Amino acid sequence: MPKFLTYEEFVSLKQLHRSLKNKKAADRVKVLIMLHLGFTPTQISQALMLDETTLSRYVKTFKEKGVEGLLEVKYTGGKTRLTLCQEQELKVYLKENITRTAKEVVDYIFLTYKVNYSIIGTTKLLHRLGFTWKKPKIVPGKANKEKQEEFLKTYNSLKESLNINDQIYFLDSTHPEHNTKPSYGWILKGKANDKFVKTNTGRERLNLNGALNFQGKVALVLDEETINKKATIHLLETIKEKQKKGKVYLVLDNASHHHAKEVKRWVLHHPRFKLVFLPVYSPNLNLIERLWRFFHNKVTYNHYFETFKEFRDETLKFFKNLKQYDKELSTLLTDNFQLVPT
């Protein structure tokens, strides 16, 4: 067969073929490309295991209905009834718009394409298109990406300039409550198999002030009455006793007690210590935040503590025995910071 595609059609079909994951659809495009390149129908039939009548039909459909007609898949029963082009349009829409339930997708498909889908059929379609049902990640609404990028440049320069005894600590506080935190887990289907975790009515909480040493993956966590300038200086004194040589760079947020005059005065009298403030609304750049989340996964989620003392003891025991989690923490506590998306 002589060349029957324009140059633009040929290039477009080659690009389309690379993007198609459906084998049957890819074969249809491949037939047109091979015919255009001079392969005989017999050669193509043998290579793709298609009869020559089918090849002729593909060419006829393409000439009459274009690419969309060529890729249209007419399934029956429970299989997909959207064309491949419509599926791609749907995928683009769903990537840009969060739909909370499969029913919302069912309604959108009907309003847009006048095609009826069941909930089960839609769920299968979503999985096939690469979607999964999960929560979006939340980010501070006032975070400034440019400021975060500036901070990372400063941080990376600081890392490169460290001498052998210099250390970086990430500081933050957290306030875990003495109450059970239910979390997802693998549980057998059916109400008869529901799992129940006891909870308590207390609202007592711990006030933990922590410093995470980046190089050694060692955490200093202090149990305080409250988190204020006094607690901050207590933490700095603890770091000073631990870190007797070299400069100490403290990465911390903009909490008022970090900017207190007493804290600044303490740093002034201890020139080895340098404060490195994070941009506002940037918990994603504070490495110790990952340690707090790891703590909740190991201690508070789905765990019941009868008394506040039990809760406190188990919490402090966890932070004193971080060595047992070395393998997990070595991959978690890395400075591969993710910037807030714009």
C-alpha atoms as a PDB file:
ATOM      1  CA  MET A   1       0.000   0.000   0.000  1.00  0.00           C
ATOM      2  CA  PRO A   2       1.398   3.445  -0.923  1.00  0.00           C
ATOM      3  CA  LYS A   3       1.931   6.026   1.811  1.00  0.00           C
ATOM      4  CA  PHE A   4      -1.492   7.350   2.803  1.00  0.00           C
ATOM      5  CA  LEU A   5      -0.741   9.406   5.924  1.00  0.00           C
ATOM      6  CA  THR A   6       0.304  13.027   5.976  1.00  0.00           C
ATOM      7  CA  TYR A   7       3.542  13.806   7.789  1.00  0.00           C
ATOM      8  CA  GLU A   8       1.567  15.362  10.659  1.00  0.00           C
ATOM      9  CA  GLU A   9      -0.691  12.300  10.960  1.00  0.00           C
ATOM     10  CA  PHE A  10       2.319   9.972  10.930  1.00  0.00           C
ATOM     11  CA  VAL A  11       4.116  11.893  13.710  1.00  0.00           C
ATOM     12  CA  SER A  12       0.898  12.180  15.731  1.00  0.00           C
ATOM     13  CA  LEU A  13       0.213   8.436  15.477  1.00  0.00           C
ATOM     14  CA  LYS A  14       3.753   7.590  16.600  1.00  0.00           C
ATOM     15  CA  GLN A  15       3.356   9.820  19.658  1.00  0.00           C
ATOM     16  CA  LEU A  16      -0.066   8.331  20.380  1.00  0.00           C
ATOM     17  CA  HIS A  17       1.302   4.791  20.137  1.00  0.00           C
ATOM     18  CA  ARG A  18       3.933   5.526  22.787  1.00  0.00           C
ATOM     19  CA  SER A  19       1.278   6.784  25.195  1.00  0.00           C
ATOM     20  CA  LEU A  20      -1.202   3.917  24.838  1.00  0.00           C
ATOM     21  CA  LYS A  21      -1.213   1.246  27.527  1.00  0.00           C
ATOM     22  CA  ASN A  22      -4.095  -0.741  26.016  1.00  0.00           C
ATOM     23  CA  LYS A  23      -2.517  -3.400  23.758  1.00  0.00           C
ATOM     24  CA  LYS A  24      -5.474  -3.667  21.362  1.00  0.00           C
ATOM     25  CA  ALA A  25      -5.599   0.089  20.872  1.00  0.00           C
ATOM     26  CA  ALA A  26      -1.834   0.205  20.358  1.00  0.00           C
ATOM     27  CA  ASP A  27      -2.085  -2.544  17.705  1.00  0.00           C
ATOM     28  CA  ARG A  28      -4.664  -0.527  15.756  1.00  0.00           C
ATOM     29  CA  VAL A  29      -2.320   2.442  15.602  1.00  0.00           C
ATOM     30  CA  LYS A  30       0.604   0.151  14.818  1.00  0.00           C
ATOM     31  CA  VAL A  31      -1.247  -1.231  11.768  1.00  0.00           C
ATOM     32  CA  LEU A  32      -1.536   2.257  10.240  1.00  0.00           C
ATOM     33  CA  ILE A  33       2.108   3.079  10.943  1.00  0.00           C
ATOM     34  CA  MET A  34       3.373  -0.194   9.464  1.00  0.00           C
ATOM     35  CA  LEU A  35       1.229   0.122   6.334  1.00  0.00           C
ATOM     36  CA  HIS A  36       2.481   3.671   5.845  1.00  0.00           C
ATOM     37  CA  LEU A  37       6.092   2.446   6.191  1.00  0.00           C
ATOM     38  CA  GLY A  38       5.577  -0.094   3.410  1.00  0.00           C
ATOM     39  CA  PHE A  39       4.907  -3.355   5.220  1.00  0.00           C
ATOM     40  CA  THR A  40       2.505  -5.611   3.313  1.00  0.00           C
ATOM     41  CA  PRO A  41      -0.840  -6.646   4.857  1.00  0.00           C
ATOM     42  CA  THR A  42       0.434 -10.241   4.948  1.00  0.00           C
ATOM     43  CA  GLN A  43       3.560  -9.252   6.900  1.00  0.00           C
ATOM     44  CA  ILE A  44       1.535  -7.194   9.370  1.00  0.00           C
ATOM     45  CA  SER A  45      -1.055  -9.944   9.736  1.00  0.00           C
ATOM     46  CA  GLN A  46       1.638 -12.450  10.637  1.00  0.00           C
ATOM     47  CA  ALA A  47       3.487 -10.080  12.992  1.00  0.00           C
ATOM     48  CA  LEU A  48       0.426  -8.887  14.935  1.00  0.00           C
ATOM     49  CA  MET A  49      -1.660 -12.055  14.531  1.00  0.00           C
ATOM     50  CA  LEU A  50      -4.570 -10.162  12.950  1.00  0.00           C
ATOM     51  CA  ASP A  51      -6.456 -11.179   9.824  1.00  0.00           C
ATOM     52  CA  GLU A  52      -6.145  -8.979   6.746  1.00  0.00           C
ATOM     53  CA  THR A  53      -9.853  -8.128   6.808  1.00  0.00           C
ATOM     54  CA  THR A  54      -9.345  -6.548  10.229  1.00  0.00           C
ATOM     55  CA  LEU A  55      -6.436  -4.504   8.890  1.00  0.00           C
ATOM     56  CA  SER A  56      -8.596  -3.161   6.071  1.00  0.00           C
ATOM     57  CA  ARG A  57     -11.337  -2.268   8.547  1.00  0.00           C
ATOM     58  CA  TYR A  58      -8.880  -0.289  10.696  1.00  0.00           C
ATOM     59  CA  VAL A  59      -7.747   1.741   7.664  1.00  0.00           C
ATOM     60  CA  LYS A  60     -11.347   2.361   6.562  1.00  0.00           C
ATOM     61  CA  THR A  61     -12.383   3.434  10.082  1.00  0.00           C
ATOM     62  CA  PHE A  62      -9.425   5.803  10.378  1.00  0.00           C
ATOM     63  CA  LYS A  63     -10.199   7.455   7.037  1.00  0.00           C
ATOM     64  CA  GLU A  64     -13.892   7.876   7.887  1.00  0.00           C
ATOM     65  CA  LYS A  65     -13.817   8.648  11.640  1.00  0.00           C
ATOM     66  CA  GLY A  66     -10.226   9.617  12.425  1.00  0.00           C
ATOM     67  CA  VAL A  67      -8.234   8.571  15.499  1.00  0.00           C
ATOM     68  CA  GLU A  68     -11.196   8.684  17.897  1.00  0.00           C
ATOM     69  CA  GLY A  69     -13.166   6.328  15.683  1.00  0.00           C
ATOM     70  CA  LEU A  70     -10.170   4.028  15.364  1.00  0.00           C
ATOM     71  CA  LEU A  71      -9.717   3.801  19.127  1.00  0.00           C
ATOM     72  CA  GLU A  72     -13.399   3.506  19.999  1.00  0.00           C
ATOM     73  CA  VAL A  73     -13.989   0.318  21.951  1.00  0.00           C
ATOM     74  CA  LYS A  74     -17.500  -1.090  21.865  1.00  0.00           C
ATOM     75  CA  TYR A  75     -17.776  -3.376  24.866  1.00  0.00           C
ATOM     76  CA  THR A  76     -20.910  -4.891  26.313  1.00  0.00           C
ATOM     77  CA  GLY A  77     -21.930  -6.029  29.764  1.00  0.00           C
ATOM     78  CA  GLY A  78     -19.838  -4.877  32.689  1.00  0.00           C
ATOM     79  CA  LYS A  79     -16.894  -3.639  30.649  1.00  0.00           C
ATOM     80  CA  THR A  80     -16.045   0.000  29.945  1.00  0.00           C
ATOM     81  CA  ARG A  81     -18.331   1.937  27.624  1.00  0.00           C
ATOM     82  CA  LEU A  82     -16.301   5.116  27.373  1.00  0.00           C
ATOM     83  CA  THR A  83     -14.022   5.475  24.381  1.00  0.00           C
ATOM     84  CA  LEU A  84     -10.304   5.606  25.053  1.00  0.00           C
ATOM     85  CA  CYS A  85     -10.315   9.321  24.258  1.00  0.00           C
ATOM     86  CA  GLN A  86     -13.148   9.884  26.742  1.00  0.00           C
ATOM     87  CA  GLU A  87     -11.270   7.893  29.371  1.00  0.00           C
ATOM     88  CA  GLN A  88      -8.251  10.151  28.904  1.00  0.00           C
ATOM     89  CA  GLU A  89     -10.465  13.245  29.208  1.00  0.00           C
ATOM     90  CA  LEU A  90     -11.962  11.814  32.403  1.00  0.00           C
ATOM     91  CA  LYS A  91      -8.499  11.094  33.778  1.00  0.00           C
ATOM     92  CA  VAL A  92      -7.412  14.699  33.181  1.00  0.00           C
ATOM     93  CA  TYR A  93     -10.558  15.986  34.909  1.00  0.00           C
ATOM     94  CA  LEU A  94     -10.085  13.728  37.938  1.00  0.00           C
ATOM     95  CA  LYS A  95      -6.417  14.716  38.256  1.00  0.00           C
ATOM     96  CA  GLU A  96      -7.440  18.368  38.485  1.00  0.00           C
ATOM     97  CA  ASN A  97     -10.568  17.936  40.636  1.00  0.00           C
ATOM     98  CA  ILE A  98     -10.873  15.879  43.821  1.00  0.00           C
ATOM     99  CA  THR A  99     -14.041  13.778  43.767  1.00  0.00           C
ATOM    100  CA  ARG A 100     -14.919  12.394  47.171  1.00  0.00           C
ATOM    101  CA  THR A 101     -16.987   9.357  46.182  1.00  0.00           C
ATOM    102  CA  ALA A 102     -17.439   6.975  43.260  1.00  0.00           C
ATOM    103  CA  LYS A 103     -21.054   8.207  43.055  1.00  0.00           C
ATOM    104  CA  GLU A 104     -19.795  11.699  42.205  1.00  0.00           C
ATOM    105  CA  VAL A 105     -17.789  10.193  39.341  1.00  0.00           C
ATOM    106  CA  VAL A 106     -20.861   8.233  38.174  1.00  0.00           C
ATOM    107  CA  ASP A 107     -22.843  11.484  38.021  1.00  0.00           C
ATOM    108  CA  TYR A 108     -20.047  13.335  36.211  1.00  0.00           C
ATOM    109  CA  ILE A 109     -19.723  10.600  33.561  1.00  0.00           C
ATOM    110  CA  PHE A 110     -23.460  10.652  32.898  1.00  0.00           C
ATOM    111  CA  LEU A 111     -23.676  14.465  32.718  1.00  0.00           C
ATOM    112  CA  THR A 112     -20.622  14.715  30.461  1.00  0.00           C
ATOM    113  CA  TYR A 113     -20.876  11.629  28.250  1.00  0.00           C
ATOM    114  CA  LYS A 114     -24.484  10.443  28.746  1.00  0.00           C
ATOM    115  CA  VAL A 115     -23.198   6.999  29.735  1.00  0.00           C
ATOM    116  CA  ASN A 116     -24.578   5.068  32.721  1.00  0.00           C
ATOM    117  CA  TYR A 117     -22.102   3.378  35.059  1.00  0.00           C
ATOM    118  CA  SER A 118     -22.678   1.425  38.252  1.00  0.00           C
ATOM    119  CA  ILE A 119     -20.755   2.244  41.442  1.00  0.00           C
ATOM    120  CA  ILE A 120     -18.822  -1.025  41.136  1.00  0.00           C
ATOM    121  CA  GLY A 121     -18.090  -0.419  37.458  1.00  0.00           C
ATOM    122  CA  THR A 122     -16.877   3.099  38.210  1.00  0.00           C
ATOM    123  CA  THR A 123     -14.625   1.876  41.009  1.00  0.00           C
ATOM    124  CA  LYS A 124     -13.027  -0.654  38.651  1.00  0.00           C
ATOM    125  CA  LEU A 125     -12.634   2.065  36.009  1.00  0.00           C
ATOM    126  CA  LEU A 126     -10.918   4.379  38.513  1.00  0.00           C
ATOM    127  CA  HIS A 127      -8.465   1.668  39.547  1.00  0.00           C
ATOM    128  CA  ARG A 128      -7.728   0.869  35.910  1.00  0.00           C
ATOM    129  CA  LEU A 129      -7.007   4.548  35.213  1.00  0.00           C
ATOM    130  CA  GLY A 130      -4.489   4.581  38.059  1.00  0.00           C
ATOM    131  CA  PHE A 131      -6.527   6.229  40.829  1.00  0.00           C
ATOM    132  CA  THR A 132      -6.717   5.196  44.460  1.00  0.00           C
ATOM    133  CA  TRP A 133      -8.943   6.449  47.284  1.00  0.00           C
ATOM    134  CA  LYS A 134      -6.845   8.432  49.763  1.00  0.00           C
ATOM    135  CA  LYS A 135      -6.744  11.715  51.611  1.00  0.00           C
ATOM    136  CA  PRO A 136      -5.079  14.737  50.036  1.00  0.00           C
ATOM    137  CA  LYS A 137      -2.079  16.036  51.954  1.00  0.00           C
ATOM    138  CA  ILE A 138      -2.650  19.281  53.805  1.00  0.00           C
ATOM    139  CA  VAL A 139      -0.167  22.130  53.653  1.00  0.00           C
ATOM    140  CA  PRO A 140      -0.130  25.494  55.444  1.00  0.00           C
ATOM    141  CA  GLY A 141      -2.240  27.925  53.453  1.00  0.00           C
ATOM    142  CA  LYS A 142       0.173  30.821  54.007  1.00  0.00           C
ATOM    143  CA  ALA A 143       3.399  28.967  53.232  1.00  0.00           C
ATOM    144  CA  ASN A 144       5.767  30.805  50.897  1.00  0.00           C
ATOM    145  CA  LYS A 145       7.577  28.545  48.427  1.00  0.00           C
ATOM    146  CA  GLU A 146      10.166  31.192  47.515  1.00  0.00           C
ATOM    147  CA  LYS A 147      11.103  31.693  51.186  1.00  0.00           C
ATOM    148  CA  GLN A 148      11.384  27.931  51.616  1.00  0.00           C
ATOM    149  CA  GLU A 149      13.683  27.687  48.596  1.00  0.00           C
ATOM    150  CA  GLU A 150      15.866  30.462  50.067  1.00  0.00           C
ATOM    151  CA  PHE A 151      16.040  28.579  53.359  1.00  0.00           C
ATOM    152  CA  LEU A 152      17.129  25.362  51.636  1.00  0.00           C
ATOM    153  CA  LYS A 153      19.955  27.221  49.894  1.00  0.00           C
ATOM    154  CA  THR A 154      21.088  28.576  53.264  1.00  0.00           C
ATOM    155  CA  TYR A 155      20.751  25.144  54.868  1.00  0.00           C
ATOM    156  CA  ASN A 156      22.722  23.365  52.143  1.00  0.00           C
ATOM    157  CA  SER A 157      25.487  25.973  52.311  1.00  0.00           C
ATOM    158  CA  LEU A 158      25.577  25.529  56.071  1.00  0.00           C
ATOM    159  CA  LYS A 159      25.911  21.746  55.732  1.00  0.00           C
ATOM    160  CA  GLU A 160      28.799  22.092  53.311  1.00  0.00           C
ATOM    161  CA  SER A 161      30.661  24.422  55.680  1.00  0.00           C
ATOM    162  CA  LEU A 162      30.453  22.177  58.776  1.00  0.00           C
ATOM    163  CA  ASN A 163      33.676  21.192  60.499  1.00  0.00           C
ATOM    164  CA  ILE A 164      34.143  17.728  61.982  1.00  0.00           C
ATOM    165  CA  ASN A 165      32.716  18.611  65.431  1.00  0.00           C
ATOM    166  CA  ASP A 166      29.922  20.907  64.238  1.00  0.00           C
ATOM    167  CA  GLN A 167      26.360  19.653  64.593  1.00  0.00           C
ATOM    168  CA  ILE A 168      22.858  20.578  63.398  1.00  0.00           C
ATOM    169  CA  TYR A 169      19.855  20.184  65.699  1.00  0.00           C
ATOM    170  CA  PHE A 170      16.197  20.567  64.739  1.00  0.00           C
ATOM    171  CA  LEU A 171      14.058  21.915  67.607  1.00  0.00           C
ATOM    172  CA  ASP A 172      10.314  21.703  68.203  1.00  0.00           C
ATOM    173  CA  SER A 173       7.704  20.902  70.842  1.00  0.00           C
ATOM    174  CA  THR A 174       4.715  18.566  70.760  1.00  0.00           C
ATOM    175  CA  HIS A 175       1.762  17.969  73.094  1.00  0.00           C
ATOM    176  CA  PRO A 176       0.467  14.374  72.924  1.00  0.00           C
ATOM    177  CA  GLU A 177      -2.841  13.856  74.741  1.00  0.00           C
ATOM    178  CA  HIS A 178      -3.625  10.946  77.037  1.00  0.00           C
ATOM    179  CA  ASN A 179      -6.334   9.604  74.788  1.00  0.00           C
ATOM    180  CA  THR A 180      -6.488   6.762  72.313  1.00  0.00           C
ATOM    181  CA  LYS A 181      -5.927   7.697  68.683  1.00  0.00           C
ATOM    182  CA  PRO A 182      -7.715   5.255  66.340  1.00  0.00           C
ATOM    183  CA  SER A 183      -5.893   4.590  63.093  1.00  0.00           C
ATOM    184  CA  TYR A 184      -6.315   2.474  59.967  1.00  0.00           C
ATOM    185  CA  GLY A 185      -5.262  -1.181  60.014  1.00  0.00           C
ATOM    186  CA  TRP A 186      -5.976  -4.445  58.191  1.00  0.00           C
ATOM    187  CA  ILE A 187      -9.204  -5.834  59.661  1.00  0.00           C
ATOM    188  CA  LEU A 188     -11.457  -8.591  58.320  1.00  0.00           C
ATOM    189  CA  LYS A 189     -14.551  -7.390  56.479  1.00  0.00           C
ATOM    190  CA  GLY A 190     -17.961  -7.459  58.137  1.00  0.00           C
ATOM    191  CA  LYS A 191     -19.430  -5.972  61.316  1.00  0.00           C
ATOM    192  CA  ALA A 192     -18.790  -9.211  63.182  1.00  0.00           C
ATOM    193  CA  ASN A 193     -15.064  -8.625  62.731  1.00  0.00           C
ATOM    194  CA  ASP A 194     -14.976  -4.968  63.824  1.00  0.00           C
ATOM    195  CA  LYS A 195     -12.143  -4.159  66.210  1.00  0.00           C
ATOM    196  CA  PHE A 196     -12.669  -1.949  69.254  1.00  0.00           C
ATOM    197  CA  VAL A 197     -10.013   0.036  71.092  1.00  0.00           C
ATOM    198  CA  LYS A 198     -10.736   1.430  74.536  1.00  0.00           C
ATOM    199  CA  THR A 199     -10.615   5.168  75.050  1.00  0.00           C
ATOM    200  CA  ASN A 200     -10.552   7.402  78.092  1.00  0.00           C
ATOM    201  CA  THR A 201     -12.243  10.671  78.939  1.00  0.00           C
ATOM    202  CA  GLY A 202      -9.153  12.452  80.246  1.00  0.00           C
ATOM    203  CA  ARG A 203      -7.652  15.426  78.464  1.00  0.00           C
ATOM    204  CA  GLU A 204      -4.297  15.516  80.229  1.00  0.00           C
ATOM    205  CA  ARG A 205      -1.377  16.034  77.934  1.00  0.00           C
ATOM    206  CA  LEU A 206       2.393  16.003  77.898  1.00  0.00           C
ATOM    207  CA  ASN A 207       4.495  19.006  76.966  1.00  0.00           C
ATOM    208  CA  LEU A 208       7.543  17.639  75.182  1.00  0.00           C
ATOM    209  CA  ASN A 209      10.381  19.879  74.073  1.00  0.00           C
ATOM    210  CA  GLY A 210      12.770  18.155  71.696  1.00  0.00           C
ATOM    211  CA  ALA A 211      15.985  18.541  69.738  1.00  0.00           C
ATOM    212  CA  LEU A 212      16.921  16.101  66.978  1.00  0.00           C
ATOM    213  CA  ASN A 213      20.588  15.787  66.056  1.00  0.00           C
ATOM    214  CA  PHE A 214      20.648  15.404  62.276  1.00  0.00           C
ATOM    215  CA  GLN A 215      24.030  13.710  61.906  1.00  0.00           C
ATOM    216  CA  GLY A 216      23.671  11.204  64.755  1.00  0.00           C
ATOM    217  CA  LYS A 217      19.879  10.742  64.570  1.00  0.00           C
ATOM    218  CA  VAL A 218      19.826  11.212  68.360  1.00  0.00           C
ATOM    219  CA  ALA A 219      16.928  13.002  70.046  1.00  0.00           C
ATOM    220  CA  LEU A 220      16.907  14.906  73.319  1.00  0.00           C
ATOM    221  CA  VAL A 221      13.302  15.081  74.539  1.00  0.00           C
ATOM    222  CA  LEU A 222      12.395  16.851  77.781  1.00  0.00           C
ATOM    223  CA  ASP A 223       9.101  16.565  79.651  1.00  0.00           C
ATOM    224  CA  GLU A 224       8.146  20.093  80.767  1.00  0.00           C
ATOM    225  CA  GLU A 225       5.336  21.673  82.770  1.00  0.00           C
ATOM    226  CA  THR A 226       4.797  24.088  79.907  1.00  0.00           C
ATOM    227  CA  ILE A 227       6.662  25.168  76.795  1.00  0.00           C
ATOM    228  CA  ASN A 228       8.027  28.682  77.233  1.00  0.00           C
ATOM    229  CA  LYS A 229      11.312  30.600  77.240  1.00  0.00           C
ATOM    230  CA  LYS A 230      12.406  28.831  80.434  1.00  0.00           C
ATOM    231  CA  ALA A 231      11.820  25.421  78.826  1.00  0.00           C
ATOM    232  CA  THR A 232      13.694  26.575  75.719  1.00  0.00           C
ATOM    233  CA  ILE A 233      16.753  27.577  77.749  1.00  0.00           C
ATOM    234  CA  HIS A 234      16.541  24.257  79.623  1.00  0.00           C
ATOM    235  CA  LEU A 235      16.714  22.450  76.273  1.00  0.00           C
ATOM    236  CA  LEU A 236      19.669  24.580  75.141  1.00  0.00           C
ATOM    237  CA  GLU A 237      21.528  23.791  78.367  1.00  0.00           C
ATOM    238  CA  THR A 238      20.865  20.078  77.803  1.00  0.00           C
ATOM    239  CA  ILE A 239      22.257  20.295  74.270  1.00  0.00           C
ATOM    240  CA  LYS A 240      25.301  22.184  75.604  1.00  0.00           C
ATOM    241  CA  GLU A 241      26.068  19.354  78.029  1.00  0.00           C
ATOM    242  CA  LYS A 242      25.672  16.794  75.256  1.00  0.00           C
ATOM    243  CA  GLN A 243      27.595  18.772  72.618  1.00  0.00           C
ATOM    244  CA  LYS A 244      30.794  19.991  74.254  1.00  0.00           C
ATOM    245  CA  LYS A 245      32.793  20.654  71.077  1.00  0.00           C
ATOM    246  CA  GLY A 246      32.185  22.444  67.816  1.00  0.00           C
ATOM    247  CA  LYS A 247      29.513  24.844  66.685  1.00  0.00           C
ATOM    248  CA  VAL A 248      25.864  23.982  67.250  1.00  0.00           C
ATOM    249  CA  TYR A 249      23.332  25.138  64.667  1.00  0.00           C
ATOM    250  CA  LEU A 250      19.758  25.143  65.952  1.00  0.00           C
ATOM    251  CA  VAL A 251      17.018  24.989  63.301  1.00  0.00           C
ATOM    252  CA  LEU A 252      13.765  26.166  64.865  1.00  0.00           C
ATOM    253  CA  ASP A 253      10.422  27.757  64.088  1.00  0.00           C
ATOM    254  CA  ASN A 254       9.229  31.262  64.919  1.00  0.00           C
ATOM    255  CA  ALA A 255       7.403  30.524  68.176  1.00  0.00           C
ATOM    256  CA  SER A 256       7.457  33.535  70.492  1.00  0.00           C
ATOM    257  CA  HIS A 257       9.556  31.758  73.153  1.00  0.00           C
ATOM    258  CA  HIS A 258      12.281  31.143  70.558  1.00  0.00           C
ATOM    259  CA  HIS A 259      12.528  34.909  70.007  1.00  0.00           C
ATOM    260  CA  ALA A 260      12.448  35.784  73.730  1.00  0.00           C
ATOM    261  CA  LYS A 261      15.094  38.208  75.000  1.00  0.00           C
ATOM    262  CA  GLU A 262      16.285  35.655  77.540  1.00  0.00           C
ATOM    263  CA  VAL A 263      16.893  33.086  74.795  1.00  0.00           C
ATOM    264  CA  LYS A 264      18.773  35.606  72.650  1.00  0.00           C
ATOM    265  CA  ARG A 265      20.844  36.602  75.688  1.00  0.00           C
ATOM    266  CA  TRP A 266      21.709  32.953  76.367  1.00  0.00           C
ATOM    267  CA  VAL A 267      22.861  32.474  72.762  1.00  0.00           C
ATOM    268  CA  LEU A 268      24.904  35.686  72.973  1.00  0.00           C
ATOM    269  CA  HIS A 269      26.769  34.256  75.982  1.00  0.00           C
ATOM    270  CA  HIS A 270      27.314  30.933  74.215  1.00  0.00           C
ATOM    271  CA  PRO A 271      28.890  31.888  70.873  1.00  0.00           C
ATOM    272  CA  ARG A 272      29.167  28.242  69.756  1.00  0.00           C
ATOM    273  CA  PHE A 273      25.384  28.243  69.341  1.00  0.00           C
ATOM    274  CA  LYS A 274      23.709  29.725  66.262  1.00  0.00           C
ATOM    275  CA  LEU A 275      19.960  30.097  65.708  1.00  0.00           C
ATOM    276  CA  VAL A 276      18.705  29.279  62.208  1.00  0.00           C
ATOM    277  CA  PHE A 277      15.052  30.258  61.915  1.00  0.00           C
ATOM    278  CA  LEU A 278      12.721  28.477  59.519  1.00  0.00           C
ATOM    279  CA  PRO A 279      10.429  30.475  57.228  1.00  0.00           C
ATOM    280  CA  VAL A 280       6.983  30.951  58.758  1.00  0.00           C
ATOM    281  CA  TYR A 281       4.469  28.139  58.138  1.00  0.00           C
ATOM    282  CA  SER A 282       7.169  25.612  57.256  1.00  0.00           C
ATOM    283  CA  PRO A 283       6.770  22.467  59.404  1.00  0.00           C
ATOM    284  CA  ASN A 284       7.721  20.476  56.291  1.00  0.00           C
ATOM    285  CA  LEU A 285      11.287  21.774  56.686  1.00  0.00           C
ATOM    286  CA  ASN A 286      11.625  20.773  60.342  1.00  0.00           C
ATOM    287  CA  LEU A 287      13.027  17.248  60.503  1.00  0.00           C
ATOM    288  CA  ILE A 288      11.851  16.588  64.048  1.00  0.00           C
ATOM    289  CA  GLU A 289       8.240  16.757  62.825  1.00  0.00           C
ATOM    290  CA  ARG A 290       8.857  13.342  61.216  1.00  0.00           C
ATOM    291  CA  LEU A 291      10.028  11.975  64.552  1.00  0.00           C
ATOM    292  CA  TRP A 292       6.821  13.181  66.218  1.00  0.00           C
ATOM    293  CA  ARG A 293       4.745  11.365  63.572  1.00  0.00           C
ATOM    294  CA  PHE A 294       6.862   8.230  64.005  1.00  0.00           C
ATOM    295  CA  PHE A 295       6.216   8.417  67.752  1.00  0.00           C
ATOM    296  CA  HIS A 296       2.445   8.498  67.226  1.00  0.00           C
ATOM    297  CA  ASN A 297       2.622   5.512  64.877  1.00  0.00           C
ATOM    298  CA  LYS A 298       4.525   3.480  67.453  1.00  0.00           C
ATOM    299  CA  VAL A 299       2.952   4.625  70.722  1.00  0.00           C
ATOM    300  CA  THR A 300      -0.384   6.412  70.520  1.00  0.00           C
ATOM    301  CA  TYR A 301      -2.250   4.987  67.507  1.00  0.00           C
ATOM    302  CA  ASN A 302      -4.623   2.158  68.537  1.00  0.00           C
ATOM    303  CA  HIS A 303      -2.988   1.889  71.979  1.00  0.00           C
ATOM    304  CA  TYR A 304      -4.913   2.311  75.228  1.00  0.00           C
ATOM    305  CA  PHE A 305      -3.250   3.492  78.431  1.00  0.00           C
ATOM    306  CA  GLU A 306      -5.318   3.137  81.599  1.00  0.00           C
ATOM    307  CA  THR A 307      -3.599   5.958  83.472  1.00  0.00           C
ATOM    308  CA  PHE A 308      -1.783   9.132  82.548  1.00  0.00           C
ATOM    309  CA  LYS A 309       1.300   7.782  84.344  1.00  0.00           C
ATOM    310  CA  GLU A 310       1.345   4.715  82.074  1.00  0.00           C
ATOM    311  CA  PHE A 311       1.026   6.984  79.041  1.00  0.00           C
ATOM    312  CA  ARG A 312       3.821   9.275  80.229  1.00  0.00           C
ATOM    313  CA  ASP A 313       6.150   6.405  81.122  1.00  0.00           C
ATOM    314  CA  GLU A 314       5.650   4.665  77.776  1.00  0.00           C
ATOM    315  CA  THR A 315       6.201   7.922  75.891  1.00  0.00           C
ATOM    316  CA  LEU A 316       9.461   8.791  77.642  1.00  0.00           C
ATOM    317  CA  LYS A 317      10.631   5.175  77.342  1.00  0.00           C
ATOM    318  CA  PHE A 318      10.117   5.384  73.574  1.00  0.00           C
ATOM    319  CA  PHE A 319      12.341   8.448  73.201  1.00  0.00           C
ATOM    320  CA  LYS A 320      15.035   6.965  75.466  1.00  0.00           C
ATOM    321  CA  ASN A 321      15.203   3.816  73.346  1.00  0.00           C
ATOM    322  CA  LEU A 322      15.254   5.168  69.794  1.00  0.00           C
ATOM    323  CA  LYS A 323      18.257   2.966  68.997  1.00  0.00           C
ATOM    324  CA  GLN A 324      15.951  -0.011  68.517  1.00  0.00           C
ATOM    325  CA  TYR A 325      14.397   1.839  65.557  1.00  0.00           C
ATOM    326  CA  ASP A 326      17.712   2.711  63.878  1.00  0.00           C
ATOM    327  CA  LYS A 327      16.853   0.924  60.645  1.00  0.00           C
ATOM    328  CA  GLU A 328      13.515   2.709  60.219  1.00  0.00           C
ATOM    329  CA  LEU A 329      14.796   6.107  61.328  1.00  0.00           C
ATOM    330  CA  SER A 330      17.826   6.002  59.037  1.00  0.00           C
ATOM    331  CA  THR A 331      15.524   6.212  56.015  1.00  0.00           C
ATOM    332  CA  LEU A 332      12.894   8.452  57.629  1.00  0.00           C
ATOM    333  CA  LEU A 333      15.115  11.165  59.100  1.00  0.00           C
ATOM    334  CA  THR A 334      16.818  12.390  55.956  1.00  0.00           C
ATOM    335  CA  ASP A 335      16.876  15.981  54.773  1.00  0.00           C
ATOM    336  CA  ASN A 336      15.122  15.299  51.466  1.00  0.00           C
ATOM    337  CA  PHE A 337      12.695  18.093  52.249  1.00  0.00           C
ATOM    338  CA  GLN A 338       9.571  18.493  50.140  1.00  0.00           C
ATOM    339  CA  LEU A 339       8.613  22.061  49.356  1.00  0.00           C
ATOM    340  CA  VAL A 340       5.038  23.215  49.703  1.00  0.00           C
ATOM    341  CA  PRO A 341       3.406  22.918  46.246  1.00  0.00           C
ATOM    342  CA  THR A 342       2.149  26.128  44.665  1.00  0.00           C
END
